[in-house]
Structure formats: structure tokens, C-alpha cells
Amino acid sequence: PIDLSASIAAGEEVDGTPPMSEQADAVHKLDVVVAYRVGKARVSHEIKADVQNVLNAQTTVYRYYDASRERIGTVP
């Protein structure tokens, strides 16, 4: 985890606590796949449509210190 006050004072990212001391947010997303398969004796064909993150879940996967804005930024 990033120590915001220490990062502002140092002007760069400062880790505040030991690694793995915080649990990350749970990831909830819905993926949908529709497939159609045609098969014969020696040949098969499959047509597939795959839509990922149907509900547009914005789970944070990365945090960083933004020195120009003096805040912790996130990457969804």
C-alpha cells in the first residue's frame, strides 16, 4: 500500500506498509459466450461470439502515486 503523506513529502511513491498486508478488491465481471458447432465425419466448424465484462465492472487492478496531482491514482 502507498503512504500518501510520505509520498507527497518525498515527491515519489513511498510504500507505507509491508507487501501483501492489504487484501485487494474482489473482481466481479460477467463474460458471455455463444457458440454453434457443426460436425461431420472428418470436419467440424465452430462459430463463437465472446463478450467480456458485460456489466462493465470497474475493479481496481493497480494503484500508483501521481506526483503532479499529489494523489493515489488507480487503473481499472
N, C-alpha and C. Protein backbone atom coordinates (compact mmCIF):
# COMPACT_ATOMS: atom_id res chain seq x y z
N PRO A 1 0.82 -1.20 0.00
CA PRO A 1 0.00 0.00 0.00
C PRO A 1 0.86 1.26 0.00
N ILE A 2 0.38 2.28 -0.62
CA ILE A 2 1.12 3.53 -0.78
C ILE A 2 0.81 4.46 0.39
N ASP A 3 1.85 5.03 0.99
CA ASP A 3 1.69 6.03 2.05
C ASP A 3 1.59 7.39 1.39
N LEU A 4 0.38 7.97 1.35
CA LEU A 4 0.14 9.21 0.62
C LEU A 4 0.92 10.38 1.20
N SER A 5 0.89 10.58 2.51
CA SER A 5 1.58 11.73 3.10
C SER A 5 3.10 11.64 2.91
N ALA A 6 3.67 10.45 3.05
CA ALA A 6 5.11 10.28 2.83
C ALA A 6 5.46 10.45 1.36
N SER A 7 4.57 10.03 0.47
CA SER A 7 4.81 10.19 -0.97
C SER A 7 4.78 11.65 -1.37
N ILE A 8 3.86 12.43 -0.80
CA ILE A 8 3.79 13.87 -1.09
C ILE A 8 5.07 14.55 -0.61
N ALA A 9 5.54 14.20 0.59
CA ALA A 9 6.76 14.80 1.13
C ALA A 9 7.99 14.43 0.31
N ALA A 10 8.06 13.19 -0.17
CA ALA A 10 9.23 12.73 -0.92
C ALA A 10 9.15 13.09 -2.41
N GLY A 11 7.95 13.35 -2.91
CA GLY A 11 7.79 13.65 -4.32
C GLY A 11 7.81 12.43 -5.21
N GLU A 12 7.76 11.24 -4.60
CA GLU A 12 7.72 9.99 -5.36
C GLU A 12 6.98 8.95 -4.53
N GLU A 13 6.65 7.84 -5.14
CA GLU A 13 5.87 6.81 -4.45
C GLU A 13 6.65 6.18 -3.31
N VAL A 14 6.02 6.14 -2.12
CA VAL A 14 6.63 5.53 -0.93
C VAL A 14 5.67 4.47 -0.41
N ASP A 15 6.17 3.25 -0.27
CA ASP A 15 5.35 2.17 0.28
C ASP A 15 5.26 2.35 1.78
N GLY A 16 4.03 2.28 2.31
CA GLY A 16 3.81 2.55 3.72
C GLY A 16 3.88 1.34 4.62
N THR A 17 3.46 0.19 4.15
CA THR A 17 3.42 -1.00 4.98
C THR A 17 4.05 -2.17 4.24
N PRO A 18 4.28 -3.27 4.93
CA PRO A 18 4.89 -4.43 4.27
C PRO A 18 4.04 -4.92 3.09
N PRO A 19 4.68 -5.51 2.10
CA PRO A 19 3.94 -6.06 0.96
C PRO A 19 2.93 -7.11 1.42
N MET A 20 1.85 -7.21 0.71
CA MET A 20 0.78 -8.20 0.96
C MET A 20 0.09 -7.99 2.30
N SER A 21 0.14 -6.78 2.86
CA SER A 21 -0.54 -6.52 4.13
C SER A 21 -1.99 -6.11 3.92
N GLU A 22 -2.39 -5.82 2.69
CA GLU A 22 -3.76 -5.46 2.36
C GLU A 22 -4.31 -6.44 1.35
N GLN A 23 -5.60 -6.73 1.48
CA GLN A 23 -6.24 -7.59 0.50
C GLN A 23 -6.84 -6.72 -0.60
N ALA A 24 -6.67 -7.14 -1.83
CA ALA A 24 -7.21 -6.39 -2.96
C ALA A 24 -8.72 -6.55 -3.04
N ASP A 25 -9.36 -5.66 -3.80
CA ASP A 25 -10.80 -5.73 -4.00
C ASP A 25 -11.15 -7.00 -4.78
N ALA A 26 -12.33 -7.52 -4.51
CA ALA A 26 -12.81 -8.69 -5.25
C ALA A 26 -13.12 -8.28 -6.69
N VAL A 27 -12.90 -9.20 -7.61
CA VAL A 27 -13.17 -8.94 -9.02
C VAL A 27 -14.49 -9.60 -9.38
N HIS A 28 -15.45 -8.79 -9.84
CA HIS A 28 -16.75 -9.30 -10.27
C HIS A 28 -16.96 -8.86 -11.71
N LYS A 29 -17.03 -9.81 -12.62
CA LYS A 29 -17.33 -9.48 -14.00
C LYS A 29 -18.07 -10.63 -14.63
N LEU A 30 -18.84 -10.33 -15.66
CA LEU A 30 -19.65 -11.33 -16.33
C LEU A 30 -19.21 -11.43 -17.78
N ASP A 31 -18.83 -12.64 -18.19
CA ASP A 31 -18.46 -12.92 -19.57
C ASP A 31 -19.53 -13.81 -20.18
N VAL A 32 -19.89 -13.56 -21.44
CA VAL A 32 -20.92 -14.34 -22.12
C VAL A 32 -20.33 -14.92 -23.40
N VAL A 33 -20.54 -16.22 -23.62
CA VAL A 33 -20.06 -16.89 -24.83
C VAL A 33 -21.24 -17.63 -25.45
N VAL A 34 -21.44 -17.41 -26.76
CA VAL A 34 -22.44 -18.14 -27.52
C VAL A 34 -21.68 -18.87 -28.62
N ALA A 35 -21.89 -20.18 -28.71
CA ALA A 35 -21.15 -20.96 -29.70
C ALA A 35 -22.10 -21.89 -30.45
N TYR A 36 -21.78 -22.12 -31.72
CA TYR A 36 -22.53 -23.05 -32.56
C TYR A 36 -21.52 -23.94 -33.27
N ARG A 37 -21.69 -25.26 -33.12
CA ARG A 37 -20.74 -26.21 -33.71
C ARG A 37 -21.47 -27.11 -34.71
N VAL A 38 -20.84 -27.27 -35.87
CA VAL A 38 -21.34 -28.18 -36.90
C VAL A 38 -20.25 -29.23 -37.09
N GLY A 39 -20.62 -30.50 -36.97
CA GLY A 39 -19.62 -31.55 -37.11
C GLY A 39 -20.06 -32.62 -38.08
N LYS A 40 -19.12 -33.09 -38.86
CA LYS A 40 -19.34 -34.21 -39.77
C LYS A 40 -18.28 -35.26 -39.46
N ALA A 41 -18.18 -36.25 -40.29
CA ALA A 41 -17.27 -37.37 -40.01
C ALA A 41 -15.82 -36.93 -39.79
N ARG A 42 -15.28 -36.10 -40.66
CA ARG A 42 -13.86 -35.73 -40.55
C ARG A 42 -13.64 -34.23 -40.41
N VAL A 43 -14.71 -33.44 -40.43
CA VAL A 43 -14.58 -31.98 -40.40
C VAL A 43 -15.57 -31.41 -39.39
N SER A 44 -15.13 -30.42 -38.64
CA SER A 44 -16.06 -29.70 -37.76
C SER A 44 -15.76 -28.21 -37.83
N HIS A 45 -16.80 -27.43 -37.66
CA HIS A 45 -16.68 -25.97 -37.68
C HIS A 45 -17.36 -25.43 -36.43
N GLU A 46 -16.83 -24.34 -35.92
CA GLU A 46 -17.44 -23.71 -34.76
C GLU A 46 -17.45 -22.20 -34.96
N ILE A 47 -18.60 -21.60 -34.71
CA ILE A 47 -18.74 -20.14 -34.75
C ILE A 47 -19.00 -19.71 -33.32
N LYS A 48 -18.24 -18.72 -32.86
CA LYS A 48 -18.32 -18.32 -31.46
C LYS A 48 -18.35 -16.81 -31.34
N ALA A 49 -19.22 -16.29 -30.46
CA ALA A 49 -19.24 -14.87 -30.11
C ALA A 49 -18.95 -14.78 -28.61
N ASP A 50 -17.93 -14.01 -28.25
CA ASP A 50 -17.48 -13.90 -26.87
C ASP A 50 -17.51 -12.43 -26.47
N VAL A 51 -18.34 -12.10 -25.47
CA VAL A 51 -18.42 -10.73 -24.96
C VAL A 51 -17.92 -10.76 -23.52
N GLN A 52 -16.88 -9.97 -23.23
CA GLN A 52 -16.30 -9.97 -21.89
C GLN A 52 -16.68 -8.72 -21.13
N ASN A 53 -16.84 -8.87 -19.82
CA ASN A 53 -17.18 -7.79 -18.91
C ASN A 53 -18.48 -7.09 -19.34
N VAL A 54 -19.54 -7.88 -19.47
CA VAL A 54 -20.84 -7.40 -19.93
C VAL A 54 -21.38 -6.29 -19.02
N LEU A 55 -21.17 -6.39 -17.73
CA LEU A 55 -21.70 -5.41 -16.77
C LEU A 55 -20.79 -4.20 -16.59
N ASN A 56 -19.67 -4.15 -17.32
CA ASN A 56 -18.72 -3.04 -17.27
C ASN A 56 -18.21 -2.79 -15.84
N ALA A 57 -17.81 -3.85 -15.16
CA ALA A 57 -17.28 -3.74 -13.80
C ALA A 57 -15.94 -3.01 -13.84
N GLN A 58 -15.74 -2.04 -12.96
CA GLN A 58 -14.52 -1.25 -12.91
C GLN A 58 -13.74 -1.58 -11.64
N THR A 59 -13.18 -2.77 -11.57
CA THR A 59 -12.40 -3.20 -10.42
C THR A 59 -10.97 -2.69 -10.54
N THR A 60 -10.45 -2.09 -9.48
CA THR A 60 -9.08 -1.56 -9.49
C THR A 60 -8.08 -2.71 -9.49
N VAL A 61 -7.16 -2.68 -10.45
CA VAL A 61 -6.14 -3.72 -10.53
C VAL A 61 -4.74 -3.20 -10.20
N TYR A 62 -4.57 -1.87 -10.16
CA TYR A 62 -3.25 -1.30 -9.90
C TYR A 62 -3.41 0.09 -9.30
N ARG A 63 -2.60 0.41 -8.30
CA ARG A 63 -2.58 1.75 -7.69
C ARG A 63 -1.20 2.34 -7.84
N TYR A 64 -1.12 3.66 -8.05
CA TYR A 64 0.16 4.34 -8.20
C TYR A 64 0.04 5.75 -7.62
N TYR A 65 1.18 6.35 -7.30
CA TYR A 65 1.19 7.72 -6.79
C TYR A 65 1.38 8.67 -7.96
N ASP A 66 0.46 9.62 -8.10
CA ASP A 66 0.51 10.64 -9.16
C ASP A 66 1.10 11.90 -8.54
N ALA A 67 2.39 12.17 -8.78
CA ALA A 67 3.09 13.29 -8.15
C ALA A 67 2.57 14.64 -8.64
N SER A 68 2.13 14.74 -9.88
CA SER A 68 1.64 16.03 -10.40
C SER A 68 0.34 16.45 -9.73
N ARG A 69 -0.47 15.49 -9.30
CA ARG A 69 -1.74 15.81 -8.64
C ARG A 69 -1.71 15.52 -7.14
N GLU A 70 -0.60 14.95 -6.67
CA GLU A 70 -0.43 14.60 -5.26
C GLU A 70 -1.58 13.74 -4.74
N ARG A 71 -1.84 12.66 -5.46
CA ARG A 71 -2.91 11.74 -5.06
C ARG A 71 -2.56 10.33 -5.53
N ILE A 72 -3.30 9.37 -5.03
CA ILE A 72 -3.12 7.99 -5.46
C ILE A 72 -4.07 7.74 -6.63
N GLY A 73 -3.50 7.34 -7.75
CA GLY A 73 -4.29 7.03 -8.93
C GLY A 73 -4.55 5.54 -9.02
N THR A 74 -5.57 5.18 -9.79
CA THR A 74 -5.91 3.77 -9.96
C THR A 74 -6.05 3.43 -11.44
N VAL A 75 -5.81 2.17 -11.74
CA VAL A 75 -6.01 1.65 -13.09
C VAL A 75 -7.09 0.58 -12.98
N PRO A 76 -8.24 0.80 -13.63
CA PRO A 76 -9.32 -0.22 -13.53
C PRO A 76 -9.03 -1.43 -14.39
